[in-house]
Amino acid sequence: MKKSFLFIICLTVFTSLIISCDDEEGEFEATLTGGKWVLERLELNGEEVMLDECELKDAYVFEDDNTFVFTFNEQVSETDPCTTGTSSGIWREDNSVPNSIRIEAAYDGDDINDENQRLNFRIENQTLREIIKEPAAEGGFNSYSYYYKKQ
């Protein structure tokens, strides 16, 4: 009787864990989609970069149909208000790294399978982080990390 009872408890715990893992996969899209991710801060090679009020309006919106729209803002001169533009594209989940929520995206006209044209994101602690690496003038690479918060 004790063995049967212990078996039932183990089976219940195991089933709960499987259901919990399935729910977490569903949470990914619910977390990424359904809102606007607004730029909060920028780091260049680990050092914070000051952003102006226009740049702090930059935002991504990811849709359930695996499309996205990026709204970017720039101040052309100190006397001009923010100039706004948009770009759109597609996104997909990248499961290549265990225990990491990664997203790959590409603007319309770019190839999502080409790592030189692909945008790379991670969700860390309710923050969307866009990671861009570019060649530095003095050799090596500059690493930009854009941090977005969901609103």
Protein backbone atom coordinates (compact mmCIF):
# COMPACT_ATOMS: atom_id res chain seq x y z
CA MET A 1 0.00 0.00 0.00
CA LYS A 2 2.84 2.38 0.87
CA LYS A 3 4.57 1.62 -2.44
CA SER A 4 1.37 2.37 -4.36
CA PHE A 5 0.89 5.61 -2.48
CA LEU A 6 4.52 6.64 -3.09
CA PHE A 7 4.18 5.74 -6.79
CA ILE A 8 1.06 7.92 -7.11
CA ILE A 9 2.82 10.87 -5.43
CA CYS A 10 5.87 10.51 -7.71
CA LEU A 11 3.64 10.26 -10.77
CA THR A 12 1.71 13.37 -9.71
CA VAL A 13 4.91 15.39 -9.17
CA PHE A 14 6.35 14.25 -12.50
CA THR A 15 3.14 15.13 -14.35
CA SER A 16 3.06 18.56 -12.68
CA LEU A 17 6.64 19.25 -13.79
CA ILE A 18 5.85 18.33 -17.40
CA ILE A 19 2.78 20.57 -17.42
CA SER A 20 4.81 23.37 -15.83
CA CYS A 21 7.47 23.12 -18.57
CA ASP A 22 4.78 23.24 -21.26
CA ASP A 23 3.32 26.36 -19.64
CA GLU A 24 6.71 28.06 -19.61
CA GLU A 25 7.03 27.63 -23.38
CA GLY A 26 3.63 29.30 -23.81
CA GLU A 27 4.72 32.11 -21.49
CA PHE A 28 7.54 33.01 -23.89
CA GLU A 29 5.25 34.25 -26.65
CA ALA A 30 2.85 35.81 -24.15
CA THR A 31 5.80 37.68 -22.64
CA LEU A 32 7.33 38.80 -25.95
CA THR A 33 4.07 39.66 -27.69
CA GLY A 34 1.10 41.65 -26.48
CA GLY A 35 2.77 44.96 -25.74
CA LYS A 36 5.37 47.53 -26.66
CA TRP A 37 9.05 47.18 -25.66
CA VAL A 38 10.43 50.70 -25.11
CA LEU A 39 14.16 51.52 -25.03
CA GLU A 40 15.35 52.09 -21.49
CA ARG A 41 19.16 52.20 -21.76
CA LEU A 42 22.16 51.46 -23.96
CA GLU A 43 25.56 50.03 -23.13
CA LEU A 44 28.63 50.18 -25.36
CA ASN A 45 31.28 47.61 -24.38
CA GLY A 46 29.70 47.40 -20.91
CA GLU A 47 29.62 51.16 -20.28
CA GLU A 48 26.28 52.99 -20.15
CA VAL A 49 25.69 55.55 -22.93
CA MET A 50 23.47 58.58 -22.33
CA LEU A 51 20.37 58.61 -24.53
CA ASP A 52 18.36 61.68 -25.49
CA GLU A 53 14.58 61.90 -25.05
CA CYS A 54 14.01 61.00 -28.71
CA GLU A 55 16.02 57.78 -28.48
CA LEU A 56 14.12 56.79 -25.33
CA LYS A 57 10.98 56.57 -27.50
CA ASP A 58 12.44 53.77 -29.68
CA ALA A 59 10.26 50.68 -29.41
CA TYR A 60 9.62 47.18 -30.72
CA VAL A 61 6.21 45.54 -31.02
CA PHE A 62 6.26 41.78 -31.61
CA GLU A 63 3.07 40.18 -32.93
CA ASP A 64 1.73 36.63 -32.52
CA ASP A 65 2.05 36.07 -36.29
CA ASN A 66 5.88 36.35 -35.94
CA THR A 67 6.11 39.85 -37.40
CA PHE A 68 7.47 42.93 -35.64
CA VAL A 69 7.57 46.68 -36.07
CA PHE A 70 10.47 48.81 -34.83
CA THR A 71 9.75 52.50 -34.29
CA PHE A 72 12.90 54.60 -34.17
CA ASN A 73 13.29 58.25 -33.29
CA GLU A 74 16.09 60.72 -33.83
CA GLN A 75 16.62 64.39 -33.24
CA VAL A 76 18.16 65.85 -36.40
CA SER A 77 19.11 69.13 -34.70
CA GLU A 78 18.65 70.67 -31.27
CA THR A 79 15.81 72.87 -32.55
CA ASP A 80 13.92 70.11 -34.39
CA PRO A 81 11.52 67.75 -32.67
CA CYS A 82 11.99 64.01 -32.92
CA THR A 83 11.80 62.49 -36.36
CA THR A 84 10.08 59.10 -36.30
CA GLY A 85 10.43 56.19 -38.68
CA THR A 86 9.43 52.55 -38.71
CA SER A 87 10.86 49.29 -39.97
CA SER A 88 9.18 45.92 -39.95
CA GLY A 89 10.27 42.31 -40.24
CA ILE A 90 9.87 38.77 -38.95
CA TRP A 91 11.00 37.03 -35.76
CA ARG A 92 11.42 33.48 -34.46
CA GLU A 93 12.37 31.78 -31.24
CA ASP A 94 15.91 30.37 -31.05
CA ASN A 95 16.15 27.27 -28.86
CA SER A 96 19.84 26.61 -29.55
CA VAL A 97 20.93 27.58 -26.03
CA PRO A 98 19.34 25.64 -23.15
CA ASN A 99 17.61 27.69 -20.42
CA SER A 100 17.75 30.88 -22.47
CA ILE A 101 14.96 32.78 -24.16
CA ARG A 102 16.48 34.03 -27.40
CA ILE A 103 14.84 35.64 -30.37
CA GLU A 104 16.17 36.09 -33.89
CA ALA A 105 14.68 38.69 -36.20
CA ALA A 106 15.32 40.27 -39.57
CA TYR A 107 14.01 43.39 -41.25
CA ASP A 108 11.93 43.02 -44.41
CA GLY A 109 14.27 42.29 -47.29
CA ASP A 110 16.96 40.77 -45.02
CA ASP A 111 17.57 37.04 -44.61
CA ILE A 112 16.85 35.79 -41.08
CA ASN A 113 19.16 32.84 -41.76
CA ASP A 114 22.14 35.11 -42.54
CA GLU A 115 23.89 35.88 -39.25
CA ASN A 116 25.20 39.17 -40.72
CA GLN A 117 21.63 40.41 -41.31
CA ARG A 118 19.96 38.84 -38.27
CA LEU A 119 18.99 40.76 -35.14
CA ASN A 120 19.62 38.93 -31.85
CA PHE A 121 17.61 39.39 -28.67
CA ARG A 122 17.40 37.80 -25.23
CA ILE A 123 14.80 38.12 -22.53
CA GLU A 124 16.49 38.50 -19.16
CA ASN A 125 14.60 39.44 -15.98
CA GLN A 126 11.61 40.90 -17.84
CA THR A 127 13.98 42.98 -20.00
CA LEU A 128 14.42 42.56 -23.74
CA ARG A 129 18.10 42.92 -24.67
CA GLU A 130 19.17 43.52 -28.25
CA ILE A 131 22.82 42.63 -28.85
CA ILE A 132 24.76 44.14 -31.76
CA LYS A 133 28.44 43.56 -32.47
CA GLU A 134 30.19 45.79 -35.00
CA PRO A 135 33.83 46.00 -36.09
CA ALA A 136 35.71 48.72 -34.18
CA ALA A 137 37.90 51.24 -36.04
CA GLU A 138 40.94 50.20 -33.98
CA GLY A 139 40.30 46.49 -34.59
CA GLY A 140 38.26 44.03 -32.63
CA PHE A 141 34.56 44.60 -32.05
CA ASN A 142 32.24 47.02 -30.31
CA SER A 143 29.39 45.39 -28.42
CA TYR A 144 26.13 47.33 -28.10
CA SER A 145 23.41 46.17 -25.71
CA TYR A 146 20.05 47.92 -26.03
CA TYR A 147 17.70 47.27 -23.10
CA TYR A 148 13.92 47.50 -23.58
CA LYS A 149 11.17 47.34 -20.95
CA LYS A 150 7.65 46.20 -21.75
CA GLN A 151 4.86 48.73 -21.37
